[in-house]
Amino acid sequence: MSTTATTGVAGRYASALFELADNAKALDSVAQDLDTFRKLLAESTDLRRVIGSPVIGRELQGKALLAVLDAAGIKGLTRSFVGTVAANGRARELPAMAAGFLAELARRRGETTATVTSAVPLTPVQLQQLTETLRSVLGGAKVSIDAHVEPDILGGLVVKVGSRLFDSSIRSKLQRLQLAMKGVA
């Protein structure tokens, strides 16, 4: 996997999962499962604590993660992968592994991935409008959105596409205003 999105251990695991999914002709189902898992992580502070805690042992992390996956209907290769990752003591790197897998899939499909940060979750209609807008800005390229919620930005959006950053967050506008007012005083 030749992406700069994920390197090191997480990159190796993501690459291994990609090869397994590709050989099993399960790229789409694994991608959907990983996307569901990332949404579960984004919505649950407890789940983030479980995978990030050095105090919780591998076995307990694995059981907790597999129970969450079962409840979400995630089976097969993705479930086995998450179980193996937890058993190897790498659960805290699952978000980076999922991001690496999804970035590589998008790259191979000729899609551009835009990382979008908003203060509140975007509705499906807003995501669709944003996708269409980005597609027109990027010259008609296929665009997939990796949405994140970060209440600290207060409002607006922060969109990162490759090395380009579009920051229309209220936090940034307030910071620019604060800097401008310091120059006046």
N, C-alpha and C. Protein backbone atom coordinates (compact mmCIF):
# COMPACT_ATOMS: atom_id res chain seq x y z
N MET A 1 0.85 -1.17 0.00
CA MET A 1 0.00 0.00 0.00
C MET A 1 0.89 1.22 0.00
N SER A 2 0.76 2.05 -1.00
CA SER A 2 1.66 3.19 -1.13
C SER A 2 0.95 4.49 -0.80
N THR A 3 0.27 4.51 0.28
CA THR A 3 -0.39 5.74 0.70
C THR A 3 0.38 6.37 1.84
N THR A 4 0.35 7.69 1.88
CA THR A 4 1.03 8.37 2.97
C THR A 4 0.07 8.60 4.13
N ALA A 5 -1.18 8.20 3.94
CA ALA A 5 -2.19 8.42 4.98
C ALA A 5 -1.88 7.61 6.23
N THR A 6 -1.38 6.41 6.05
CA THR A 6 -1.12 5.55 7.19
C THR A 6 0.22 4.87 6.98
N THR A 7 1.08 4.99 7.99
CA THR A 7 2.38 4.37 7.90
C THR A 7 2.61 3.53 9.14
N GLY A 8 3.75 2.86 9.20
CA GLY A 8 4.09 2.09 10.38
C GLY A 8 3.22 0.86 10.54
N VAL A 9 3.00 0.51 11.81
CA VAL A 9 2.24 -0.70 12.13
C VAL A 9 0.82 -0.63 11.57
N ALA A 10 0.16 0.50 11.76
CA ALA A 10 -1.22 0.64 11.26
C ALA A 10 -1.26 0.46 9.75
N GLY A 11 -0.28 1.00 9.05
CA GLY A 11 -0.22 0.86 7.60
C GLY A 11 -0.03 -0.58 7.17
N ARG A 12 0.82 -1.32 7.90
CA ARG A 12 1.05 -2.72 7.56
C ARG A 12 -0.22 -3.55 7.78
N TYR A 13 -0.90 -3.30 8.88
CA TYR A 13 -2.15 -4.02 9.14
C TYR A 13 -3.21 -3.67 8.08
N ALA A 14 -3.33 -2.38 7.75
CA ALA A 14 -4.31 -1.95 6.76
C ALA A 14 -3.99 -2.58 5.41
N SER A 15 -2.72 -2.64 5.07
CA SER A 15 -2.30 -3.24 3.81
C SER A 15 -2.64 -4.74 3.78
N ALA A 16 -2.39 -5.41 4.89
CA ALA A 16 -2.70 -6.84 4.98
C ALA A 16 -4.21 -7.07 4.83
N LEU A 17 -5.01 -6.26 5.49
CA LEU A 17 -6.46 -6.40 5.38
C LEU A 17 -6.91 -6.13 3.95
N PHE A 18 -6.30 -5.14 3.31
CA PHE A 18 -6.66 -4.82 1.93
C PHE A 18 -6.40 -6.01 1.02
N GLU A 19 -5.22 -6.63 1.17
CA GLU A 19 -4.90 -7.79 0.34
C GLU A 19 -5.85 -8.95 0.60
N LEU A 20 -6.16 -9.21 1.88
CA LEU A 20 -7.10 -10.28 2.21
C LEU A 20 -8.47 -10.01 1.61
N ALA A 21 -8.95 -8.77 1.76
CA ALA A 21 -10.27 -8.41 1.23
C ALA A 21 -10.29 -8.48 -0.28
N ASP A 22 -9.22 -8.04 -0.92
CA ASP A 22 -9.13 -8.08 -2.38
C ASP A 22 -9.16 -9.53 -2.87
N ASN A 23 -8.39 -10.40 -2.23
CA ASN A 23 -8.36 -11.82 -2.62
C ASN A 23 -9.70 -12.49 -2.39
N ALA A 24 -10.42 -12.08 -1.36
CA ALA A 24 -11.72 -12.67 -1.04
C ALA A 24 -12.86 -11.99 -1.80
N LYS A 25 -12.52 -11.03 -2.65
CA LYS A 25 -13.53 -10.24 -3.39
C LYS A 25 -14.53 -9.60 -2.42
N ALA A 26 -14.00 -9.07 -1.31
CA ALA A 26 -14.86 -8.51 -0.27
C ALA A 26 -14.50 -7.06 0.05
N LEU A 27 -13.89 -6.36 -0.91
CA LEU A 27 -13.46 -4.98 -0.64
C LEU A 27 -14.63 -4.09 -0.21
N ASP A 28 -15.75 -4.20 -0.93
CA ASP A 28 -16.90 -3.33 -0.61
C ASP A 28 -17.49 -3.64 0.75
N SER A 29 -17.64 -4.93 1.07
CA SER A 29 -18.24 -5.27 2.36
C SER A 29 -17.32 -4.89 3.52
N VAL A 30 -16.01 -5.10 3.36
CA VAL A 30 -15.07 -4.70 4.41
C VAL A 30 -15.07 -3.18 4.56
N ALA A 31 -15.10 -2.47 3.45
CA ALA A 31 -15.14 -1.00 3.52
C ALA A 31 -16.39 -0.52 4.24
N GLN A 32 -17.52 -1.14 3.95
CA GLN A 32 -18.77 -0.76 4.62
C GLN A 32 -18.69 -1.08 6.11
N ASP A 33 -18.14 -2.24 6.45
CA ASP A 33 -17.98 -2.61 7.86
C ASP A 33 -17.06 -1.63 8.59
N LEU A 34 -15.94 -1.27 7.96
CA LEU A 34 -15.00 -0.34 8.59
C LEU A 34 -15.62 1.04 8.75
N ASP A 35 -16.41 1.44 7.78
CA ASP A 35 -17.09 2.73 7.88
C ASP A 35 -18.08 2.71 9.04
N THR A 36 -18.81 1.61 9.19
CA THR A 36 -19.74 1.45 10.31
C THR A 36 -18.98 1.48 11.64
N PHE A 37 -17.86 0.78 11.69
CA PHE A 37 -17.04 0.75 12.91
C PHE A 37 -16.54 2.15 13.26
N ARG A 38 -16.11 2.90 12.26
CA ARG A 38 -15.63 4.27 12.52
C ARG A 38 -16.75 5.15 13.05
N LYS A 39 -17.96 4.96 12.54
CA LYS A 39 -19.10 5.73 13.03
C LYS A 39 -19.41 5.36 14.48
N LEU A 40 -19.32 4.07 14.79
CA LEU A 40 -19.54 3.63 16.17
C LEU A 40 -18.51 4.27 17.10
N LEU A 41 -17.26 4.31 16.67
CA LEU A 41 -16.21 4.94 17.47
C LEU A 41 -16.48 6.43 17.67
N ALA A 42 -16.92 7.10 16.61
CA ALA A 42 -17.18 8.53 16.69
C ALA A 42 -18.32 8.84 17.65
N GLU A 43 -19.29 7.93 17.73
CA GLU A 43 -20.47 8.16 18.56
C GLU A 43 -20.31 7.72 20.01
N SER A 44 -19.32 6.88 20.30
CA SER A 44 -19.23 6.29 21.64
C SER A 44 -17.91 6.61 22.34
N THR A 45 -17.99 7.43 23.36
CA THR A 45 -16.82 7.73 24.17
C THR A 45 -16.34 6.46 24.86
N ASP A 46 -17.27 5.63 25.32
CA ASP A 46 -16.91 4.39 26.01
C ASP A 46 -16.11 3.46 25.10
N LEU A 47 -16.53 3.33 23.86
CA LEU A 47 -15.82 2.47 22.92
C LEU A 47 -14.41 3.01 22.66
N ARG A 48 -14.29 4.33 22.51
CA ARG A 48 -12.96 4.93 22.33
C ARG A 48 -12.08 4.66 23.54
N ARG A 49 -12.66 4.71 24.74
CA ARG A 49 -11.91 4.42 25.97
C ARG A 49 -11.44 2.96 25.99
N VAL A 50 -12.32 2.06 25.58
CA VAL A 50 -11.98 0.63 25.58
C VAL A 50 -10.78 0.37 24.69
N ILE A 51 -10.78 0.93 23.47
CA ILE A 51 -9.66 0.62 22.57
C ILE A 51 -8.40 1.42 22.91
N GLY A 52 -8.56 2.54 23.59
CA GLY A 52 -7.40 3.38 23.88
C GLY A 52 -6.76 3.15 25.23
N SER A 53 -7.42 2.41 26.08
CA SER A 53 -6.92 2.24 27.45
C SER A 53 -5.80 1.22 27.55
N PRO A 54 -4.66 1.63 28.12
CA PRO A 54 -3.59 0.66 28.33
C PRO A 54 -3.86 -0.25 29.54
N VAL A 55 -4.86 0.11 30.33
CA VAL A 55 -5.19 -0.65 31.53
C VAL A 55 -6.04 -1.88 31.19
N ILE A 56 -6.88 -1.76 30.18
CA ILE A 56 -7.74 -2.88 29.79
C ILE A 56 -6.91 -3.88 29.00
N GLY A 57 -6.93 -5.11 29.43
CA GLY A 57 -6.13 -6.16 28.80
C GLY A 57 -6.61 -6.53 27.41
N ARG A 58 -5.74 -7.19 26.66
CA ARG A 58 -6.04 -7.59 25.28
C ARG A 58 -7.29 -8.45 25.20
N GLU A 59 -7.40 -9.40 26.11
CA GLU A 59 -8.52 -10.34 26.06
C GLU A 59 -9.84 -9.62 26.27
N LEU A 60 -9.88 -8.73 27.26
CA LEU A 60 -11.10 -7.98 27.54
C LEU A 60 -11.42 -7.01 26.40
N GLN A 61 -10.39 -6.36 25.85
CA GLN A 61 -10.60 -5.48 24.70
C GLN A 61 -11.20 -6.26 23.54
N GLY A 62 -10.62 -7.43 23.28
CA GLY A 62 -11.11 -8.26 22.18
C GLY A 62 -12.56 -8.66 22.37
N LYS A 63 -12.91 -9.10 23.59
CA LYS A 63 -14.30 -9.49 23.86
C LYS A 63 -15.24 -8.31 23.69
N ALA A 64 -14.86 -7.16 24.21
CA ALA A 64 -15.70 -5.96 24.10
C ALA A 64 -15.89 -5.56 22.64
N LEU A 65 -14.79 -5.54 21.89
CA LEU A 65 -14.88 -5.16 20.48
C LEU A 65 -15.73 -6.14 19.68
N LEU A 66 -15.55 -7.43 19.91
CA LEU A 66 -16.33 -8.43 19.18
C LEU A 66 -17.81 -8.34 19.53
N ALA A 67 -18.13 -8.02 20.79
CA ALA A 67 -19.53 -7.84 21.18
C ALA A 67 -20.14 -6.64 20.46
N VAL A 68 -19.38 -5.57 20.34
CA VAL A 68 -19.86 -4.37 19.62
C VAL A 68 -20.07 -4.70 18.15
N LEU A 69 -19.12 -5.41 17.55
CA LEU A 69 -19.23 -5.78 16.14
C LEU A 69 -20.44 -6.69 15.90
N ASP A 70 -20.63 -7.66 16.80
CA ASP A 70 -21.80 -8.54 16.67
C ASP A 70 -23.10 -7.76 16.74
N ALA A 71 -23.17 -6.81 17.67
CA ALA A 71 -24.38 -5.99 17.82
C ALA A 71 -24.62 -5.14 16.57
N ALA A 72 -23.53 -4.72 15.91
CA ALA A 72 -23.66 -3.89 14.71
C ALA A 72 -23.83 -4.72 13.44
N GLY A 73 -23.77 -6.04 13.57
CA GLY A 73 -23.94 -6.91 12.40
C GLY A 73 -22.70 -7.02 11.54
N ILE A 74 -21.54 -6.71 12.10
CA ILE A 74 -20.28 -6.81 11.36
C ILE A 74 -19.73 -8.22 11.55
N LYS A 75 -19.57 -8.93 10.41
CA LYS A 75 -19.16 -10.33 10.46
C LYS A 75 -17.96 -10.56 9.56
N GLY A 76 -17.63 -11.81 9.39
CA GLY A 76 -16.65 -12.23 8.40
C GLY A 76 -15.26 -11.69 8.61
N LEU A 77 -14.67 -11.27 7.51
CA LEU A 77 -13.28 -10.84 7.49
C LEU A 77 -13.01 -9.66 8.43
N THR A 78 -13.90 -8.70 8.45
CA THR A 78 -13.70 -7.53 9.31
C THR A 78 -13.70 -7.93 10.77
N ARG A 79 -14.64 -8.79 11.15
CA ARG A 79 -14.71 -9.24 12.55
C ARG A 79 -13.45 -10.00 12.93
N SER A 80 -13.00 -10.89 12.05
CA SER A 80 -11.78 -11.65 12.31
C SER A 80 -10.57 -10.73 12.43
N PHE A 81 -10.52 -9.74 11.55
CA PHE A 81 -9.41 -8.79 11.57
C PHE A 81 -9.36 -8.02 12.89
N VAL A 82 -10.50 -7.48 13.31
CA VAL A 82 -10.55 -6.72 14.56
C VAL A 82 -10.17 -7.60 15.74
N GLY A 83 -10.64 -8.84 15.74
CA GLY A 83 -10.28 -9.77 16.81
C GLY A 83 -8.78 -10.03 16.85
N THR A 84 -8.18 -10.21 15.68
CA THR A 84 -6.73 -10.44 15.61
C THR A 84 -5.95 -9.21 16.07
N VAL A 85 -6.39 -8.05 15.64
CA VAL A 85 -5.73 -6.80 16.03
C VAL A 85 -5.78 -6.65 17.56
N ALA A 86 -6.93 -6.90 18.14
CA ALA A 86 -7.07 -6.79 19.60
C ALA A 86 -6.19 -7.82 20.30
N ALA A 87 -6.16 -9.05 19.80
CA ALA A 87 -5.34 -10.11 20.39
C ALA A 87 -3.85 -9.78 20.32
N ASN A 88 -3.46 -9.01 19.31
CA ASN A 88 -2.07 -8.60 19.16
C ASN A 88 -1.74 -7.32 19.93
N GLY A 89 -2.71 -6.81 20.68
CA GLY A 89 -2.47 -5.61 21.49
C GLY A 89 -2.40 -4.33 20.69
N ARG A 90 -3.05 -4.28 19.55
CA ARG A 90 -2.99 -3.10 18.67
C ARG A 90 -4.35 -2.42 18.51
N ALA A 91 -5.28 -2.66 19.43
CA ALA A 91 -6.64 -2.12 19.30
C ALA A 91 -6.64 -0.60 19.19
N ARG A 92 -5.73 0.07 19.89
CA ARG A 92 -5.74 1.54 19.86
C ARG A 92 -5.43 2.09 18.46
N GLU A 93 -4.87 1.24 17.60
CA GLU A 93 -4.53 1.69 16.25
C GLU A 93 -5.61 1.34 15.21
N LEU A 94 -6.71 0.76 15.67
CA LEU A 94 -7.79 0.41 14.74
C LEU A 94 -8.31 1.59 13.92
N PRO A 95 -8.52 2.78 14.51
CA PRO A 95 -8.98 3.89 13.68
C PRO A 95 -8.02 4.22 12.54
N ALA A 96 -6.72 4.20 12.80
CA ALA A 96 -5.73 4.48 11.75
C ALA A 96 -5.72 3.37 10.71
N MET A 97 -5.91 2.14 11.15
CA MET A 97 -5.96 1.00 10.22
C MET A 97 -7.16 1.13 9.29
N ALA A 98 -8.31 1.47 9.87
CA ALA A 98 -9.52 1.64 9.07
C ALA A 98 -9.34 2.79 8.08
N ALA A 99 -8.78 3.89 8.54
CA ALA A 99 -8.55 5.04 7.66
C ALA A 99 -7.60 4.67 6.52
N GLY A 100 -6.55 3.92 6.83
CA GLY A 100 -5.60 3.50 5.81
C GLY A 100 -6.24 2.60 4.76
N PHE A 101 -7.06 1.66 5.21
CA PHE A 101 -7.75 0.77 4.29
C PHE A 101 -8.66 1.57 3.36
N LEU A 102 -9.48 2.45 3.94
CA LEU A 102 -10.43 3.22 3.15
C LEU A 102 -9.73 4.19 2.20
N ALA A 103 -8.61 4.77 2.63
CA ALA A 103 -7.85 5.67 1.77
C ALA A 103 -7.26 4.92 0.58
N GLU A 104 -6.74 3.73 0.83
CA GLU A 104 -6.18 2.93 -0.26
C GLU A 104 -7.26 2.50 -1.24
N LEU A 105 -8.41 2.11 -0.74
CA LEU A 105 -9.52 1.73 -1.62
C LEU A 105 -9.94 2.92 -2.49
N ALA A 106 -10.04 4.08 -1.88
CA ALA A 106 -10.42 5.28 -2.65
C ALA A 106 -9.36 5.60 -3.71
N ARG A 107 -8.09 5.49 -3.33
CA ARG A 107 -7.01 5.78 -4.27
C ARG A 107 -7.06 4.83 -5.47
N ARG A 108 -7.26 3.56 -5.20
CA ARG A 108 -7.30 2.58 -6.29
C ARG A 108 -8.52 2.75 -7.18
N ARG A 109 -9.55 3.32 -6.66
CA ARG A 109 -10.76 3.55 -7.45
C ARG A 109 -10.75 4.92 -8.12
N GLY A 110 -9.67 5.65 -7.94
CA GLY A 110 -9.56 6.96 -8.56
C GLY A 110 -10.38 8.02 -7.86
N GLU A 111 -10.70 7.78 -6.62
CA GLU A 111 -11.47 8.76 -5.85
C GLU A 111 -10.53 9.66 -5.07
N THR A 112 -10.99 10.86 -4.84
CA THR A 112 -10.28 11.78 -3.97
C THR A 112 -11.01 11.78 -2.64
N THR A 113 -10.25 11.66 -1.56
CA THR A 113 -10.87 11.66 -0.24
C THR A 113 -10.74 13.04 0.37
N ALA A 114 -11.86 13.57 0.81
CA ALA A 114 -11.87 14.86 1.50
C ALA A 114 -12.19 14.61 2.97
N THR A 115 -11.34 15.11 3.84
CA THR A 115 -11.59 15.02 5.27
C THR A 115 -12.36 16.27 5.67
N VAL A 116 -13.56 16.07 6.17
CA VAL A 116 -14.44 17.19 6.51
C VAL A 116 -14.72 17.18 8.01
N THR A 117 -14.43 18.30 8.65
CA THR A 117 -14.69 18.44 10.08
C THR A 117 -15.78 19.49 10.27
N SER A 118 -16.79 19.12 11.04
CA SER A 118 -17.89 20.03 11.32
C SER A 118 -18.15 20.04 12.83
N ALA A 119 -18.84 21.07 13.29
CA ALA A 119 -19.14 21.17 14.72
C ALA A 119 -20.24 20.20 15.14
N VAL A 120 -21.13 19.91 14.22
CA VAL A 120 -22.23 18.96 14.46
C VAL A 120 -22.26 17.97 13.29
N PRO A 121 -22.84 16.78 13.49
CA PRO A 121 -22.89 15.82 12.38
C PRO A 121 -23.66 16.39 11.19
N LEU A 122 -23.14 16.12 10.00
CA LEU A 122 -23.80 16.58 8.79
C LEU A 122 -24.91 15.60 8.40
N THR A 123 -26.01 16.13 7.89
CA THR A 123 -27.11 15.28 7.44
C THR A 123 -26.73 14.64 6.11
N PRO A 124 -27.42 13.56 5.73
CA PRO A 124 -27.14 12.96 4.42
C PRO A 124 -27.31 13.96 3.26
N VAL A 125 -28.28 14.85 3.36
CA VAL A 125 -28.48 15.85 2.31
C VAL A 125 -27.29 16.80 2.25
N GLN A 126 -26.82 17.24 3.42
CA GLN A 126 -25.66 18.14 3.46
C GLN A 126 -24.41 17.44 2.91
N LEU A 127 -24.23 16.16 3.26
CA LEU A 127 -23.09 15.41 2.74
C LEU A 127 -23.16 15.30 1.22
N GLN A 128 -24.34 15.05 0.69
CA GLN A 128 -24.52 14.94 -0.76
C GLN A 128 -24.21 16.28 -1.44
N GLN A 129 -24.71 17.39 -0.87
CA GLN A 129 -24.44 18.71 -1.44
C GLN A 129 -22.95 19.02 -1.40
N LEU A 130 -22.31 18.68 -0.31
CA LEU A 130 -20.87 18.92 -0.17
C LEU A 130 -20.09 18.08 -1.17
N THR A 131 -20.49 16.83 -1.36
CA THR A 131 -19.84 15.96 -2.33
C THR A 131 -19.94 16.56 -3.73
N GLU A 132 -21.12 17.03 -4.10
CA GLU A 132 -21.32 17.63 -5.42
C GLU A 132 -20.49 18.90 -5.59
N THR A 133 -20.44 19.72 -4.55
CA THR A 133 -19.65 20.95 -4.61
C THR A 133 -18.17 20.63 -4.77
N LEU A 134 -17.67 19.68 -3.97
CA LEU A 134 -16.26 19.31 -4.07
C LEU A 134 -15.95 18.70 -5.44
N ARG A 135 -16.86 17.91 -5.96
CA ARG A 135 -16.66 17.31 -7.28
C ARG A 135 -16.48 18.40 -8.33
N SER A 136 -17.30 19.45 -8.26
CA SER A 136 -17.18 20.53 -9.25
C SER A 136 -15.90 21.33 -9.04
N VAL A 137 -15.51 21.55 -7.79
CA VAL A 137 -14.27 22.28 -7.48
C VAL A 137 -13.05 21.49 -7.94
N LEU A 138 -13.11 20.17 -7.83
CA LEU A 138 -11.97 19.32 -8.16
C LEU A 138 -12.00 18.83 -9.61
N GLY A 139 -12.76 19.49 -10.44
CA GLY A 139 -12.76 19.16 -11.86
C GLY A 139 -13.46 17.87 -12.22
N GLY A 140 -14.49 17.51 -11.47
CA GLY A 140 -15.29 16.34 -11.79
C GLY A 140 -14.77 15.02 -11.25
N ALA A 141 -13.70 15.07 -10.44
CA ALA A 141 -13.17 13.83 -9.86
C ALA A 141 -14.16 13.24 -8.87
N LYS A 142 -14.12 11.90 -8.75
CA LYS A 142 -14.96 11.24 -7.75
C LYS A 142 -14.46 11.65 -6.37
N VAL A 143 -15.39 11.93 -5.48
CA VAL A 143 -15.01 12.39 -4.14
C VAL A 143 -15.71 11.53 -3.09
N SER A 144 -14.92 11.06 -2.13
CA SER A 144 -15.52 10.41 -0.97
C SER A 144 -15.19 11.27 0.23
N ILE A 145 -16.15 11.37 1.14
CA ILE A 145 -16.00 12.25 2.30
C ILE A 145 -15.76 11.43 3.56
N ASP A 146 -14.73 11.83 4.29
CA ASP A 146 -14.41 11.25 5.59
C ASP A 146 -14.82 12.31 6.61
N ALA A 147 -16.03 12.16 7.16
CA ALA A 147 -16.60 13.20 8.04
C ALA A 147 -16.23 12.98 9.50
N HIS A 148 -15.86 14.06 10.15
CA HIS A 148 -15.54 14.05 11.58
C HIS A 148 -16.32 15.17 12.26
N VAL A 149 -16.64 14.95 13.52
CA VAL A 149 -17.33 15.97 14.31
C VAL A 149 -16.37 16.46 15.37
N GLU A 150 -16.18 17.77 15.43
CA GLU A 150 -15.31 18.39 16.42
C GLU A 150 -15.99 19.67 16.90
N PRO A 151 -16.72 19.60 18.02
CA PRO A 151 -17.46 20.76 18.50
C PRO A 151 -16.60 22.02 18.73
N ASP A 152 -15.29 21.82 18.94
CA ASP A 152 -14.41 22.96 19.19
C ASP A 152 -14.35 23.97 18.05
N ILE A 153 -14.72 23.56 16.83
CA ILE A 153 -14.64 24.53 15.73
C ILE A 153 -15.82 25.51 15.74
N LEU A 154 -16.79 25.25 16.62
CA LEU A 154 -17.94 26.11 16.88
C LEU A 154 -18.97 26.15 15.77
N GLY A 155 -18.57 26.11 14.53
CA GLY A 155 -19.49 26.14 13.40
C GLY A 155 -18.69 26.19 12.11
N GLY A 156 -19.37 26.11 10.97
CA GLY A 156 -18.68 26.11 9.70
C GLY A 156 -18.06 24.74 9.42
N LEU A 157 -17.11 24.72 8.47
CA LEU A 157 -16.47 23.47 8.07
C LEU A 157 -14.97 23.66 7.91
N VAL A 158 -14.25 22.58 8.12
CA VAL A 158 -12.84 22.52 7.76
C VAL A 158 -12.73 21.34 6.79
N VAL A 159 -12.32 21.63 5.55
CA VAL A 159 -12.24 20.61 4.52
C VAL A 159 -10.79 20.48 4.07
N LYS A 160 -10.27 19.25 4.12
CA LYS A 160 -8.90 19.00 3.68
C LYS A 160 -8.95 18.00 2.55
N VAL A 161 -8.41 18.40 1.40
CA VAL A 161 -8.32 17.54 0.23
C VAL A 161 -6.86 17.53 -0.19
N GLY A 162 -6.21 16.39 0.04
CA GLY A 162 -4.78 16.33 -0.25
C GLY A 162 -4.03 17.33 0.61
N SER A 163 -3.29 18.21 -0.04
CA SER A 163 -2.54 19.22 0.71
C SER A 163 -3.30 20.54 0.81
N ARG A 164 -4.50 20.59 0.24
CA ARG A 164 -5.30 21.83 0.27
C ARG A 164 -6.23 21.83 1.47
N LEU A 165 -6.30 22.97 2.14
CA LEU A 165 -7.14 23.11 3.32
C LEU A 165 -8.07 24.30 3.13
N PHE A 166 -9.36 24.05 3.31
CA PHE A 166 -10.37 25.10 3.25
C PHE A 166 -10.97 25.20 4.65
N ASP A 167 -10.71 26.31 5.32
CA ASP A 167 -11.14 26.46 6.71
C ASP A 167 -12.13 27.61 6.81
N SER A 168 -13.41 27.27 6.96
CA SER A 168 -14.43 28.29 7.14
C SER A 168 -15.05 28.16 8.53
N SER A 169 -14.27 27.61 9.47
CA SER A 169 -14.78 27.42 10.82
C SER A 169 -14.89 28.75 11.55
N ILE A 170 -15.83 28.82 12.44
CA ILE A 170 -16.00 30.03 13.25
C ILE A 170 -14.79 30.23 14.15
N ARG A 171 -14.21 29.15 14.64
CA ARG A 171 -13.02 29.25 15.49
C ARG A 171 -11.90 29.98 14.75
N SER A 172 -11.64 29.62 13.50
CA SER A 172 -10.59 30.27 12.71
C SER A 172 -10.91 31.73 12.43
N LYS A 173 -12.18 31.99 12.14
CA LYS A 173 -12.57 33.39 11.88
C LYS A 173 -12.36 34.24 13.13
N LEU A 174 -12.70 33.68 14.30
CA LEU A 174 -12.48 34.42 15.55
C LEU A 174 -10.99 34.64 15.81
N GLN A 175 -10.17 33.64 15.50
CA GLN A 175 -8.73 33.78 15.69
C GLN A 175 -8.16 34.86 14.76
N ARG A 176 -8.62 34.89 13.51
CA ARG A 176 -8.16 35.92 12.56
C ARG A 176 -8.60 37.30 13.02
N LEU A 177 -9.83 37.41 13.52
CA LEU A 177 -10.33 38.68 14.03
C LEU A 177 -9.51 39.14 15.23
N GLN A 178 -9.18 38.20 16.12
CA GLN A 178 -8.39 38.52 17.29
C GLN A 178 -7.01 39.03 16.88
N LEU A 179 -6.39 38.39 15.88
CA LEU A 179 -5.10 38.84 15.40
C LEU A 179 -5.19 40.23 14.77
N ALA A 180 -6.24 40.45 14.00
CA ALA A 180 -6.43 41.75 13.38
C ALA A 180 -6.61 42.85 14.41
N MET A 181 -7.33 42.54 15.48
CA MET A 181 -7.57 43.55 16.53
C MET A 181 -6.29 43.84 17.30
N LYS A 182 -5.41 42.87 17.45
CA LYS A 182 -4.12 43.10 18.13
C LYS A 182 -3.28 44.08 17.32
N GLY A 183 -3.37 43.98 16.00
CA GLY A 183 -2.60 44.87 15.12
C GLY A 183 -3.09 46.30 15.19
N VAL A 184 -4.37 46.51 15.49
CA VAL A 184 -4.96 47.84 15.56
C VAL A 184 -4.60 48.51 16.88
N ALA A 185 -4.57 47.76 17.95
CA ALA A 185 -4.37 48.34 19.28
C ALA A 185 -3.01 48.90 19.49
